[in-house]
Amino acid sequence: MASSAELDSYYELIMQLVDEAGQLIVSRNSQRKTVELKSSDIDFGEEDSSDGKKAVLTNAPTWIIDPVDGTMNFVHSFPHSAISVALLVNKITEIGIIFNPVLGQKFTARRGQGAFYNGQQIKVSEKKSLANALLFTEFGTSRDEEKTKVVLENITKLVKLAHGFRSLGAAALNICMVALGGADCYYEYGVHAWDYAGK
């Protein structure tokens, strides 16, 4: 179990590292990029673990990091990419940081201390009806015909019920929009731990 002082130290260090990583993204966001494709034209090489094995979450302190959530956005210089970082201790999130450096959007949270957007405390909306709700979703990276059909069927059903739909192309930022109260709901099929690490 990490002490409060240790968590404070970790938080300060990771904030510094996130800022430094953000500078790299900003400096390269509008540059032409070369990508390495894996299984399809839209799979840029998502993460598992550094040695290629399936990662298993234990009670040990664990950093979950996505250095560029919204990879497709980054490749196309669309300004909605984020660095997503979380520290879990005993499988409980203690620290969460999501930073979109291009737009200067930094979302932070510490267990029991609330969530913040650029230093200002935030909270979810109080909307309870889909008719008044702004929903966020994503299509995901799979282009499997059957999966795509299900995704489109779900959107078709929900679009009739919701006030509106949006998609930023980065799971972490979509979740942050719900935390901020700018969106009321976010759903997506097939997200991974690193996609919502900073939640």
N, C-alpha and C. Protein backbone atom coordinates (compact mmCIF):
# COMPACT_ATOMS: atom_id res chain seq x y z
N MET A 1 0.85 -1.19 0.00
CA MET A 1 0.00 0.00 0.00
C MET A 1 0.88 1.23 0.00
N ALA A 2 0.63 2.14 -0.91
CA ALA A 2 1.41 3.38 -1.00
C ALA A 2 0.87 4.39 0.00
N SER A 3 1.78 5.10 0.64
CA SER A 3 1.38 6.13 1.60
C SER A 3 0.90 7.37 0.85
N SER A 4 0.25 8.26 1.57
CA SER A 4 -0.22 9.51 0.98
C SER A 4 0.95 10.33 0.44
N ALA A 5 2.04 10.36 1.19
CA ALA A 5 3.24 11.11 0.76
C ALA A 5 3.82 10.50 -0.51
N GLU A 6 3.83 9.15 -0.60
CA GLU A 6 4.34 8.49 -1.80
C GLU A 6 3.45 8.81 -3.00
N LEU A 7 2.14 8.76 -2.79
CA LEU A 7 1.22 9.07 -3.88
C LEU A 7 1.38 10.51 -4.35
N ASP A 8 1.60 11.44 -3.41
CA ASP A 8 1.85 12.84 -3.78
C ASP A 8 3.10 12.94 -4.65
N SER A 9 4.14 12.22 -4.26
CA SER A 9 5.40 12.23 -5.02
C SER A 9 5.19 11.64 -6.41
N TYR A 10 4.47 10.53 -6.50
CA TYR A 10 4.18 9.91 -7.80
C TYR A 10 3.39 10.88 -8.68
N TYR A 11 2.42 11.55 -8.08
CA TYR A 11 1.56 12.48 -8.82
C TYR A 11 2.39 13.62 -9.41
N GLU A 12 3.26 14.20 -8.60
CA GLU A 12 4.11 15.30 -9.08
C GLU A 12 5.02 14.83 -10.21
N LEU A 13 5.61 13.64 -10.06
CA LEU A 13 6.50 13.13 -11.09
C LEU A 13 5.75 12.84 -12.39
N ILE A 14 4.60 12.18 -12.30
CA ILE A 14 3.89 11.83 -13.53
C ILE A 14 3.33 13.07 -14.21
N MET A 15 2.95 14.08 -13.44
CA MET A 15 2.50 15.34 -14.06
C MET A 15 3.63 15.96 -14.88
N GLN A 16 4.83 15.93 -14.35
CA GLN A 16 5.99 16.47 -15.07
C GLN A 16 6.24 15.66 -16.34
N LEU A 17 6.19 14.33 -16.23
CA LEU A 17 6.44 13.48 -17.40
C LEU A 17 5.34 13.65 -18.46
N VAL A 18 4.10 13.79 -18.02
CA VAL A 18 2.98 13.99 -18.96
C VAL A 18 3.17 15.32 -19.70
N ASP A 19 3.60 16.36 -18.99
CA ASP A 19 3.85 17.65 -19.65
C ASP A 19 4.96 17.53 -20.69
N GLU A 20 6.01 16.80 -20.36
CA GLU A 20 7.13 16.62 -21.30
C GLU A 20 6.66 15.82 -22.52
N ALA A 21 5.90 14.76 -22.30
CA ALA A 21 5.37 13.97 -23.41
C ALA A 21 4.43 14.81 -24.26
N GLY A 22 3.66 15.68 -23.61
CA GLY A 22 2.76 16.57 -24.33
C GLY A 22 3.48 17.48 -25.29
N GLN A 23 4.66 17.95 -24.89
CA GLN A 23 5.46 18.80 -25.77
C GLN A 23 5.87 18.04 -27.03
N LEU A 24 6.18 16.76 -26.88
CA LEU A 24 6.53 15.94 -28.05
C LEU A 24 5.34 15.81 -29.01
N ILE A 25 4.17 15.56 -28.45
CA ILE A 25 2.98 15.42 -29.30
C ILE A 25 2.69 16.73 -30.03
N VAL A 26 2.74 17.84 -29.31
CA VAL A 26 2.47 19.14 -29.94
C VAL A 26 3.48 19.41 -31.06
N SER A 27 4.74 19.10 -30.81
CA SER A 27 5.77 19.39 -31.81
C SER A 27 5.65 18.51 -33.06
N ARG A 28 4.98 17.37 -32.92
CA ARG A 28 4.86 16.45 -34.05
C ARG A 28 3.43 16.34 -34.61
N ASN A 29 2.49 17.01 -33.97
CA ASN A 29 1.09 16.82 -34.37
C ASN A 29 0.84 17.18 -35.83
N SER A 30 1.39 18.27 -36.30
CA SER A 30 1.08 18.69 -37.67
C SER A 30 2.09 18.16 -38.69
N GLN A 31 3.09 17.38 -38.23
CA GLN A 31 4.06 16.81 -39.17
C GLN A 31 3.47 15.61 -39.89
N ARG A 32 4.00 15.35 -41.07
CA ARG A 32 3.62 14.15 -41.81
C ARG A 32 4.15 12.94 -41.04
N LYS A 33 3.33 11.90 -40.93
CA LYS A 33 3.72 10.74 -40.14
C LYS A 33 3.77 9.48 -40.98
N THR A 34 4.68 8.61 -40.64
CA THR A 34 4.77 7.29 -41.23
C THR A 34 4.26 6.31 -40.19
N VAL A 35 3.37 5.43 -40.58
CA VAL A 35 2.81 4.49 -39.62
C VAL A 35 3.11 3.07 -40.02
N GLU A 36 3.19 2.21 -39.02
CA GLU A 36 3.37 0.78 -39.24
C GLU A 36 2.04 0.11 -39.01
N LEU A 37 1.52 -0.53 -40.04
CA LEU A 37 0.22 -1.19 -39.94
C LEU A 37 0.40 -2.61 -39.43
N LYS A 38 -0.57 -3.05 -38.64
CA LYS A 38 -0.55 -4.42 -38.14
C LYS A 38 -1.55 -5.26 -38.91
N SER A 39 -2.77 -5.37 -38.39
CA SER A 39 -3.73 -6.29 -38.98
C SER A 39 -4.60 -5.68 -40.08
N SER A 40 -4.69 -4.35 -40.11
CA SER A 40 -5.53 -3.71 -41.12
C SER A 40 -5.06 -2.28 -41.31
N ASP A 41 -5.72 -1.56 -42.22
CA ASP A 41 -5.34 -0.18 -42.52
C ASP A 41 -5.57 0.77 -41.35
N ILE A 42 -6.32 0.35 -40.34
CA ILE A 42 -6.60 1.26 -39.23
C ILE A 42 -6.01 0.77 -37.92
N ASP A 43 -5.27 -0.33 -37.91
CA ASP A 43 -4.65 -0.87 -36.71
C ASP A 43 -3.19 -0.44 -36.69
N PHE A 44 -2.89 0.54 -35.85
CA PHE A 44 -1.54 1.10 -35.81
C PHE A 44 -0.66 0.44 -34.76
N GLY A 45 -1.12 -0.62 -34.12
CA GLY A 45 -0.27 -1.30 -33.16
C GLY A 45 -0.63 -0.97 -31.74
N GLU A 46 -1.80 -1.34 -31.30
CA GLU A 46 -2.21 -1.10 -29.91
C GLU A 46 -1.34 -1.90 -28.96
N GLU A 47 -1.38 -1.53 -27.72
CA GLU A 47 -0.49 -2.03 -26.70
C GLU A 47 -1.06 -3.22 -25.95
N ASP A 48 -0.19 -4.11 -25.53
CA ASP A 48 -0.51 -5.13 -24.53
C ASP A 48 0.48 -4.95 -23.40
N SER A 49 1.66 -5.49 -23.54
CA SER A 49 2.71 -5.27 -22.57
C SER A 49 4.03 -5.18 -23.32
N SER A 50 5.05 -4.72 -22.63
CA SER A 50 6.32 -4.45 -23.32
C SER A 50 6.96 -5.72 -23.87
N ASP A 51 6.69 -6.87 -23.28
CA ASP A 51 7.30 -8.10 -23.79
C ASP A 51 6.36 -8.89 -24.69
N GLY A 52 5.22 -8.30 -25.06
CA GLY A 52 4.29 -8.93 -25.97
C GLY A 52 3.34 -9.91 -25.34
N LYS A 53 3.47 -10.15 -24.04
CA LYS A 53 2.57 -11.07 -23.34
C LYS A 53 1.32 -10.34 -22.88
N LYS A 54 0.27 -11.10 -22.65
CA LYS A 54 -0.96 -10.52 -22.13
C LYS A 54 -0.69 -10.02 -20.71
N ALA A 55 -1.04 -8.77 -20.46
CA ALA A 55 -0.83 -8.17 -19.15
C ALA A 55 -1.92 -8.63 -18.19
N VAL A 56 -1.53 -8.96 -16.96
CA VAL A 56 -2.47 -9.38 -15.93
C VAL A 56 -2.37 -8.39 -14.77
N LEU A 57 -3.49 -7.81 -14.40
CA LEU A 57 -3.51 -6.85 -13.30
C LEU A 57 -3.44 -7.59 -11.97
N THR A 58 -2.51 -7.17 -11.12
CA THR A 58 -2.36 -7.74 -9.78
C THR A 58 -2.57 -6.62 -8.76
N ASN A 59 -2.35 -6.92 -7.49
CA ASN A 59 -2.47 -5.90 -6.45
C ASN A 59 -1.25 -4.99 -6.38
N ALA A 60 -0.18 -5.35 -7.04
CA ALA A 60 1.04 -4.53 -7.03
C ALA A 60 0.76 -3.17 -7.67
N PRO A 61 1.42 -2.12 -7.22
CA PRO A 61 1.26 -0.82 -7.89
C PRO A 61 1.53 -0.97 -9.39
N THR A 62 0.60 -0.49 -10.20
CA THR A 62 0.68 -0.70 -11.64
C THR A 62 0.35 0.59 -12.37
N TRP A 63 1.26 1.00 -13.25
CA TRP A 63 1.00 2.15 -14.13
C TRP A 63 0.36 1.62 -15.40
N ILE A 64 -0.72 2.24 -15.80
CA ILE A 64 -1.35 1.95 -17.10
C ILE A 64 -1.22 3.22 -17.92
N ILE A 65 -0.54 3.11 -19.05
CA ILE A 65 -0.20 4.30 -19.83
C ILE A 65 -0.54 4.08 -21.31
N ASP A 66 -1.23 5.05 -21.86
CA ASP A 66 -1.41 5.10 -23.32
C ASP A 66 -0.75 6.41 -23.76
N PRO A 67 0.41 6.32 -24.39
CA PRO A 67 1.12 7.56 -24.74
C PRO A 67 0.41 8.40 -25.79
N VAL A 68 -0.42 7.78 -26.63
CA VAL A 68 -1.20 8.53 -27.61
C VAL A 68 -2.55 7.83 -27.79
N ASP A 69 -3.53 8.23 -26.99
CA ASP A 69 -4.89 7.73 -27.20
C ASP A 69 -5.49 8.60 -28.30
N GLY A 70 -6.11 7.97 -29.28
CA GLY A 70 -6.57 8.70 -30.46
C GLY A 70 -5.47 8.70 -31.50
N THR A 71 -4.85 7.54 -31.69
CA THR A 71 -3.73 7.43 -32.63
C THR A 71 -4.12 7.86 -34.04
N MET A 72 -5.31 7.45 -34.47
CA MET A 72 -5.77 7.83 -35.81
C MET A 72 -5.86 9.35 -35.93
N ASN A 73 -6.36 10.00 -34.88
CA ASN A 73 -6.43 11.47 -34.87
C ASN A 73 -5.03 12.06 -35.02
N PHE A 74 -4.07 11.53 -34.23
CA PHE A 74 -2.70 12.03 -34.28
C PHE A 74 -2.10 11.88 -35.67
N VAL A 75 -2.32 10.72 -36.29
CA VAL A 75 -1.79 10.46 -37.63
C VAL A 75 -2.32 11.49 -38.63
N HIS A 76 -3.57 11.91 -38.44
CA HIS A 76 -4.20 12.86 -39.36
C HIS A 76 -4.15 14.31 -38.87
N SER A 77 -3.41 14.56 -37.79
CA SER A 77 -3.28 15.90 -37.20
C SER A 77 -4.62 16.48 -36.75
N PHE A 78 -5.57 15.62 -36.44
CA PHE A 78 -6.84 16.03 -35.84
C PHE A 78 -6.57 16.25 -34.35
N PRO A 79 -6.87 17.43 -33.80
CA PRO A 79 -6.33 17.80 -32.48
C PRO A 79 -7.03 17.16 -31.28
N HIS A 80 -7.42 15.91 -31.39
CA HIS A 80 -8.04 15.21 -30.26
C HIS A 80 -7.30 13.91 -29.98
N SER A 81 -6.08 14.05 -29.50
CA SER A 81 -5.27 12.93 -29.03
C SER A 81 -4.89 13.25 -27.60
N ALA A 82 -4.65 12.21 -26.82
CA ALA A 82 -4.34 12.45 -25.41
C ALA A 82 -3.35 11.44 -24.88
N ILE A 83 -2.64 11.87 -23.86
CA ILE A 83 -1.81 10.99 -23.06
C ILE A 83 -2.70 10.56 -21.90
N SER A 84 -2.79 9.27 -21.69
CA SER A 84 -3.66 8.74 -20.64
C SER A 84 -2.81 7.92 -19.67
N VAL A 85 -2.85 8.28 -18.38
CA VAL A 85 -2.02 7.63 -17.38
C VAL A 85 -2.85 7.36 -16.12
N ALA A 86 -2.67 6.18 -15.56
CA ALA A 86 -3.31 5.87 -14.28
C ALA A 86 -2.35 5.05 -13.43
N LEU A 87 -2.43 5.25 -12.13
CA LEU A 87 -1.71 4.41 -11.18
C LEU A 87 -2.75 3.66 -10.37
N LEU A 88 -2.67 2.33 -10.44
CA LEU A 88 -3.56 1.48 -9.65
C LEU A 88 -2.76 0.82 -8.54
N VAL A 89 -3.30 0.81 -7.34
CA VAL A 89 -2.71 0.12 -6.20
C VAL A 89 -3.81 -0.77 -5.64
N ASN A 90 -3.51 -2.05 -5.48
CA ASN A 90 -4.52 -3.03 -5.07
C ASN A 90 -5.72 -3.00 -6.02
N LYS A 91 -5.44 -2.80 -7.30
CA LYS A 91 -6.44 -2.76 -8.38
C LYS A 91 -7.41 -1.59 -8.25
N ILE A 92 -7.06 -0.59 -7.49
CA ILE A 92 -7.89 0.60 -7.32
C ILE A 92 -7.13 1.79 -7.89
N THR A 93 -7.81 2.59 -8.71
CA THR A 93 -7.17 3.77 -9.31
C THR A 93 -6.92 4.83 -8.25
N GLU A 94 -5.67 5.20 -8.09
CA GLU A 94 -5.27 6.24 -7.13
C GLU A 94 -5.03 7.57 -7.82
N ILE A 95 -4.48 7.52 -9.03
CA ILE A 95 -4.14 8.72 -9.80
C ILE A 95 -4.61 8.50 -11.24
N GLY A 96 -5.23 9.52 -11.82
CA GLY A 96 -5.61 9.47 -13.22
C GLY A 96 -5.33 10.81 -13.88
N ILE A 97 -4.68 10.77 -15.02
CA ILE A 97 -4.36 12.00 -15.77
C ILE A 97 -4.63 11.74 -17.24
N ILE A 98 -5.38 12.63 -17.85
CA ILE A 98 -5.60 12.59 -19.30
C ILE A 98 -5.29 13.99 -19.82
N PHE A 99 -4.37 14.08 -20.76
CA PHE A 99 -3.87 15.37 -21.22
C PHE A 99 -3.91 15.42 -22.74
N ASN A 100 -4.71 16.36 -23.27
CA ASN A 100 -4.70 16.67 -24.70
C ASN A 100 -3.82 17.90 -24.85
N PRO A 101 -2.54 17.71 -25.17
CA PRO A 101 -1.62 18.84 -25.19
C PRO A 101 -1.86 19.82 -26.33
N VAL A 102 -2.42 19.34 -27.44
CA VAL A 102 -2.65 20.22 -28.58
C VAL A 102 -3.66 21.32 -28.23
N LEU A 103 -4.69 20.95 -27.48
CA LEU A 103 -5.71 21.92 -27.08
C LEU A 103 -5.54 22.39 -25.63
N GLY A 104 -4.51 21.91 -24.96
CA GLY A 104 -4.25 22.34 -23.58
C GLY A 104 -5.31 21.88 -22.59
N GLN A 105 -5.87 20.70 -22.81
CA GLN A 105 -6.90 20.16 -21.92
C GLN A 105 -6.27 19.11 -21.00
N LYS A 106 -6.25 19.42 -19.70
CA LYS A 106 -5.69 18.46 -18.75
C LYS A 106 -6.74 18.10 -17.71
N PHE A 107 -7.06 16.80 -17.68
CA PHE A 107 -8.01 16.25 -16.73
C PHE A 107 -7.23 15.44 -15.71
N THR A 108 -7.45 15.71 -14.44
CA THR A 108 -6.73 15.01 -13.38
C THR A 108 -7.70 14.54 -12.31
N ALA A 109 -7.32 13.48 -11.64
CA ALA A 109 -8.13 12.98 -10.53
C ALA A 109 -7.24 12.19 -9.58
N ARG A 110 -7.57 12.32 -8.30
CA ARG A 110 -6.94 11.51 -7.26
C ARG A 110 -8.08 10.89 -6.46
N ARG A 111 -7.93 9.63 -6.11
CA ARG A 111 -8.99 8.94 -5.38
C ARG A 111 -9.37 9.73 -4.13
N GLY A 112 -10.66 10.02 -4.01
CA GLY A 112 -11.19 10.73 -2.85
C GLY A 112 -11.00 12.24 -2.88
N GLN A 113 -10.40 12.77 -3.97
CA GLN A 113 -10.13 14.21 -4.02
C GLN A 113 -10.86 14.92 -5.15
N GLY A 114 -11.66 14.20 -5.91
CA GLY A 114 -12.41 14.83 -6.99
C GLY A 114 -11.67 14.80 -8.31
N ALA A 115 -12.35 15.31 -9.33
CA ALA A 115 -11.80 15.37 -10.69
C ALA A 115 -11.70 16.83 -11.10
N PHE A 116 -10.70 17.15 -11.92
CA PHE A 116 -10.41 18.53 -12.28
C PHE A 116 -10.11 18.66 -13.77
N TYR A 117 -10.48 19.79 -14.33
CA TYR A 117 -10.16 20.15 -15.71
C TYR A 117 -9.36 21.44 -15.64
N ASN A 118 -8.10 21.38 -16.03
CA ASN A 118 -7.20 22.54 -15.96
C ASN A 118 -7.28 23.22 -14.60
N GLY A 119 -7.32 22.40 -13.54
CA GLY A 119 -7.29 22.92 -12.17
C GLY A 119 -8.63 23.27 -11.57
N GLN A 120 -9.69 23.26 -12.36
CA GLN A 120 -11.03 23.58 -11.85
C GLN A 120 -11.81 22.29 -11.63
N GLN A 121 -12.44 22.15 -10.47
CA GLN A 121 -13.20 20.94 -10.18
C GLN A 121 -14.37 20.79 -11.15
N ILE A 122 -14.62 19.55 -11.56
CA ILE A 122 -15.68 19.25 -12.51
C ILE A 122 -16.60 18.18 -11.95
N LYS A 123 -17.78 18.06 -12.57
CA LYS A 123 -18.70 16.99 -12.19
C LYS A 123 -19.56 16.63 -13.39
N VAL A 124 -20.11 15.44 -13.34
CA VAL A 124 -20.97 14.96 -14.42
C VAL A 124 -22.27 15.76 -14.45
N SER A 125 -22.96 15.70 -15.58
CA SER A 125 -24.24 16.39 -15.69
C SER A 125 -25.28 15.66 -14.84
N GLU A 126 -26.39 16.30 -14.67
CA GLU A 126 -27.47 15.68 -13.89
C GLU A 126 -28.62 15.23 -14.78
N LYS A 127 -28.37 15.15 -16.08
CA LYS A 127 -29.43 14.73 -17.01
C LYS A 127 -29.74 13.25 -16.80
N LYS A 128 -31.01 12.95 -16.77
CA LYS A 128 -31.43 11.57 -16.55
C LYS A 128 -32.21 11.01 -17.73
N SER A 129 -32.60 11.84 -18.66
CA SER A 129 -33.40 11.40 -19.81
C SER A 129 -32.54 11.40 -21.07
N LEU A 130 -32.62 10.33 -21.83
CA LEU A 130 -31.89 10.27 -23.11
C LEU A 130 -32.32 11.38 -24.05
N ALA A 131 -33.57 11.80 -23.96
CA ALA A 131 -34.08 12.85 -24.85
C ALA A 131 -33.34 14.17 -24.65
N ASN A 132 -32.75 14.35 -23.49
CA ASN A 132 -32.00 15.58 -23.19
C ASN A 132 -30.49 15.35 -23.19
N ALA A 133 -30.06 14.15 -23.51
CA ALA A 133 -28.66 13.77 -23.35
C ALA A 133 -27.85 13.84 -24.64
N LEU A 134 -26.61 14.27 -24.48
CA LEU A 134 -25.62 14.22 -25.56
C LEU A 134 -24.79 12.96 -25.34
N LEU A 135 -24.87 12.03 -26.29
CA LEU A 135 -24.17 10.75 -26.18
C LEU A 135 -22.90 10.78 -27.02
N PHE A 136 -21.86 10.14 -26.49
CA PHE A 136 -20.62 9.95 -27.22
C PHE A 136 -20.45 8.47 -27.50
N THR A 137 -19.95 8.13 -28.66
CA THR A 137 -19.64 6.75 -29.02
C THR A 137 -18.48 6.75 -30.01
N GLU A 138 -18.00 5.58 -30.31
CA GLU A 138 -16.96 5.40 -31.32
C GLU A 138 -17.30 4.19 -32.16
N PHE A 139 -16.76 4.14 -33.35
CA PHE A 139 -16.97 2.99 -34.23
C PHE A 139 -15.97 1.88 -33.92
N GLY A 140 -14.87 2.19 -33.23
CA GLY A 140 -13.84 1.20 -32.95
C GLY A 140 -12.96 0.97 -34.16
N THR A 141 -12.00 0.08 -34.00
CA THR A 141 -11.03 -0.15 -35.08
C THR A 141 -11.37 -1.37 -35.93
N SER A 142 -12.29 -2.19 -35.47
CA SER A 142 -12.65 -3.39 -36.24
C SER A 142 -13.48 -3.00 -37.46
N ARG A 143 -13.16 -3.60 -38.59
CA ARG A 143 -13.97 -3.40 -39.78
C ARG A 143 -14.63 -4.72 -40.18
N ASP A 144 -14.68 -5.64 -39.20
CA ASP A 144 -15.40 -6.89 -39.40
C ASP A 144 -16.85 -6.54 -39.73
N GLU A 145 -17.37 -7.12 -40.79
CA GLU A 145 -18.71 -6.75 -41.28
C GLU A 145 -19.78 -6.94 -40.22
N GLU A 146 -19.74 -8.04 -39.49
CA GLU A 146 -20.77 -8.32 -38.48
C GLU A 146 -20.68 -7.33 -37.31
N LYS A 147 -19.47 -7.02 -36.86
CA LYS A 147 -19.30 -6.06 -35.76
C LYS A 147 -19.75 -4.66 -36.19
N THR A 148 -19.39 -4.28 -37.39
CA THR A 148 -19.79 -2.97 -37.91
C THR A 148 -21.31 -2.88 -38.00
N LYS A 149 -21.95 -3.95 -38.42
CA LYS A 149 -23.41 -3.98 -38.51
C LYS A 149 -24.04 -3.74 -37.14
N VAL A 150 -23.52 -4.40 -36.11
CA VAL A 150 -24.06 -4.24 -34.75
C VAL A 150 -23.87 -2.81 -34.26
N VAL A 151 -22.68 -2.26 -34.49
CA VAL A 151 -22.41 -0.87 -34.07
C VAL A 151 -23.40 0.08 -34.73
N LEU A 152 -23.60 -0.06 -36.02
CA LEU A 152 -24.52 0.83 -36.75
C LEU A 152 -25.98 0.62 -36.32
N GLU A 153 -26.36 -0.61 -36.03
CA GLU A 153 -27.72 -0.86 -35.53
C GLU A 153 -27.94 -0.17 -34.19
N ASN A 154 -26.95 -0.24 -33.30
CA ASN A 154 -27.07 0.42 -32.00
C ASN A 154 -27.19 1.93 -32.15
N ILE A 155 -26.37 2.51 -33.01
CA ILE A 155 -26.44 3.95 -33.24
C ILE A 155 -27.80 4.33 -33.82
N THR A 156 -28.29 3.55 -34.77
CA THR A 156 -29.59 3.82 -35.39
C THR A 156 -30.71 3.82 -34.34
N LYS A 157 -30.66 2.88 -33.40
CA LYS A 157 -31.67 2.82 -32.35
C LYS A 157 -31.56 4.01 -31.40
N LEU A 158 -30.34 4.33 -30.99
CA LEU A 158 -30.15 5.38 -29.98
C LEU A 158 -30.30 6.80 -30.53
N VAL A 159 -29.97 7.01 -31.80
CA VAL A 159 -30.04 8.35 -32.36
C VAL A 159 -31.46 8.90 -32.32
N LYS A 160 -32.45 8.01 -32.37
CA LYS A 160 -33.85 8.43 -32.31
C LYS A 160 -34.26 8.85 -30.90
N LEU A 161 -33.51 8.39 -29.91
CA LEU A 161 -33.86 8.64 -28.51
C LEU A 161 -33.06 9.78 -27.86
N ALA A 162 -31.88 10.05 -28.38
CA ALA A 162 -30.97 11.00 -27.75
C ALA A 162 -31.11 12.40 -28.34
N HIS A 163 -30.69 13.38 -27.58
CA HIS A 163 -30.67 14.76 -28.05
C HIS A 163 -29.62 14.94 -29.14
N GLY A 164 -28.48 14.26 -28.98
CA GLY A 164 -27.42 14.36 -29.98
C GLY A 164 -26.35 13.32 -29.79
N PHE A 165 -25.50 13.15 -30.82
CA PHE A 165 -24.39 12.20 -30.80
C PHE A 165 -23.10 12.91 -31.18
N ARG A 166 -22.00 12.51 -30.57
CA ARG A 166 -20.69 13.05 -30.91
C ARG A 166 -19.66 11.93 -30.82
N SER A 167 -18.48 12.20 -31.40
CA SER A 167 -17.37 11.27 -31.34
C SER A 167 -16.08 12.07 -31.51
N LEU A 168 -15.19 11.96 -30.55
CA LEU A 168 -13.90 12.67 -30.64
C LEU A 168 -12.80 11.79 -31.21
N GLY A 169 -13.00 10.49 -31.24
CA GLY A 169 -11.97 9.61 -31.78
C GLY A 169 -10.94 9.18 -30.76
N ALA A 170 -11.16 9.47 -29.49
CA ALA A 170 -10.24 9.08 -28.43
C ALA A 170 -11.07 8.73 -27.19
N ALA A 171 -11.03 7.47 -26.81
CA ALA A 171 -11.86 7.00 -25.70
C ALA A 171 -11.64 7.81 -24.43
N ALA A 172 -10.39 8.08 -24.11
CA ALA A 172 -10.09 8.82 -22.88
C ALA A 172 -10.73 10.21 -22.89
N LEU A 173 -10.67 10.89 -24.02
CA LEU A 173 -11.27 12.23 -24.10
C LEU A 173 -12.79 12.16 -24.08
N ASN A 174 -13.38 11.13 -24.68
CA ASN A 174 -14.82 10.96 -24.60
C ASN A 174 -15.27 10.80 -23.15
N ILE A 175 -14.53 9.98 -22.39
CA ILE A 175 -14.84 9.78 -20.97
C ILE A 175 -14.70 11.10 -20.21
N CYS A 176 -13.68 11.87 -20.55
CA CYS A 176 -13.47 13.16 -19.88
C CYS A 176 -14.62 14.13 -20.16
N MET A 177 -15.18 14.06 -21.35
CA MET A 177 -16.32 14.93 -21.65
C MET A 177 -17.52 14.59 -20.76
N VAL A 178 -17.67 13.32 -20.41
CA VAL A 178 -18.73 12.93 -19.47
C VAL A 178 -18.38 13.45 -18.07
N ALA A 179 -17.14 13.31 -17.65
CA ALA A 179 -16.72 13.80 -16.33
C ALA A 179 -16.91 15.31 -16.22
N LEU A 180 -16.69 16.01 -17.31
CA LEU A 180 -16.82 17.47 -17.36
C LEU A 180 -18.27 17.93 -17.38
N GLY A 181 -19.18 17.03 -17.78
CA GLY A 181 -20.58 17.40 -17.91
C GLY A 181 -20.91 17.92 -19.29
N GLY A 182 -19.93 17.91 -20.19
CA GLY A 182 -20.16 18.35 -21.57
C GLY A 182 -20.87 17.30 -22.39
N ALA A 183 -20.76 16.05 -21.97
CA ALA A 183 -21.51 14.94 -22.56
C ALA A 183 -22.16 14.21 -21.40
N ASP A 184 -23.22 13.48 -21.71
CA ASP A 184 -23.98 12.83 -20.65
C ASP A 184 -23.76 11.33 -20.58
N CYS A 185 -23.26 10.76 -21.66
CA CYS A 185 -23.08 9.31 -21.71
C CYS A 185 -22.03 8.99 -22.77
N TYR A 186 -21.25 7.96 -22.50
CA TYR A 186 -20.30 7.46 -23.49
C TYR A 186 -20.36 5.94 -23.47
N TYR A 187 -20.44 5.34 -24.65
CA TYR A 187 -20.36 3.90 -24.75
C TYR A 187 -19.56 3.52 -25.97
N GLU A 188 -18.88 2.41 -25.86
CA GLU A 188 -18.11 1.86 -26.97
C GLU A 188 -17.84 0.40 -26.67
N TYR A 189 -17.83 -0.42 -27.69
CA TYR A 189 -17.52 -1.83 -27.52
C TYR A 189 -16.07 -2.07 -27.92
N GLY A 190 -15.36 -2.84 -27.11
CA GLY A 190 -14.00 -3.24 -27.46
C GLY A 190 -12.91 -2.32 -26.95
N VAL A 191 -13.19 -1.48 -25.96
CA VAL A 191 -12.12 -0.64 -25.41
C VAL A 191 -11.25 -1.48 -24.48
N HIS A 192 -10.02 -1.03 -24.29
CA HIS A 192 -9.04 -1.73 -23.45
C HIS A 192 -8.70 -0.87 -22.24
N ALA A 193 -8.02 -1.45 -21.28
CA ALA A 193 -7.66 -0.75 -20.04
C ALA A 193 -6.93 0.56 -20.33
N TRP A 194 -6.03 0.56 -21.31
CA TRP A 194 -5.27 1.77 -21.59
C TRP A 194 -6.13 2.85 -22.23
N ASP A 195 -7.28 2.48 -22.77
CA ASP A 195 -8.17 3.46 -23.38
C ASP A 195 -8.89 4.31 -22.33
N TYR A 196 -8.99 3.80 -21.14
CA TYR A 196 -9.67 4.58 -20.10
C TYR A 196 -8.89 4.55 -18.80
N ALA A 197 -7.56 4.48 -18.90
CA ALA A 197 -6.71 4.38 -17.73
C ALA A 197 -6.88 5.53 -16.76
N GLY A 198 -6.99 6.74 -17.25
CA GLY A 198 -7.05 7.91 -16.38
C GLY A 198 -8.42 8.21 -15.85
N LYS A 199 -9.37 7.33 -16.04
CA LYS A 199 -10.77 7.62 -15.67
C LYS A 199 -10.97 8.04 -14.24
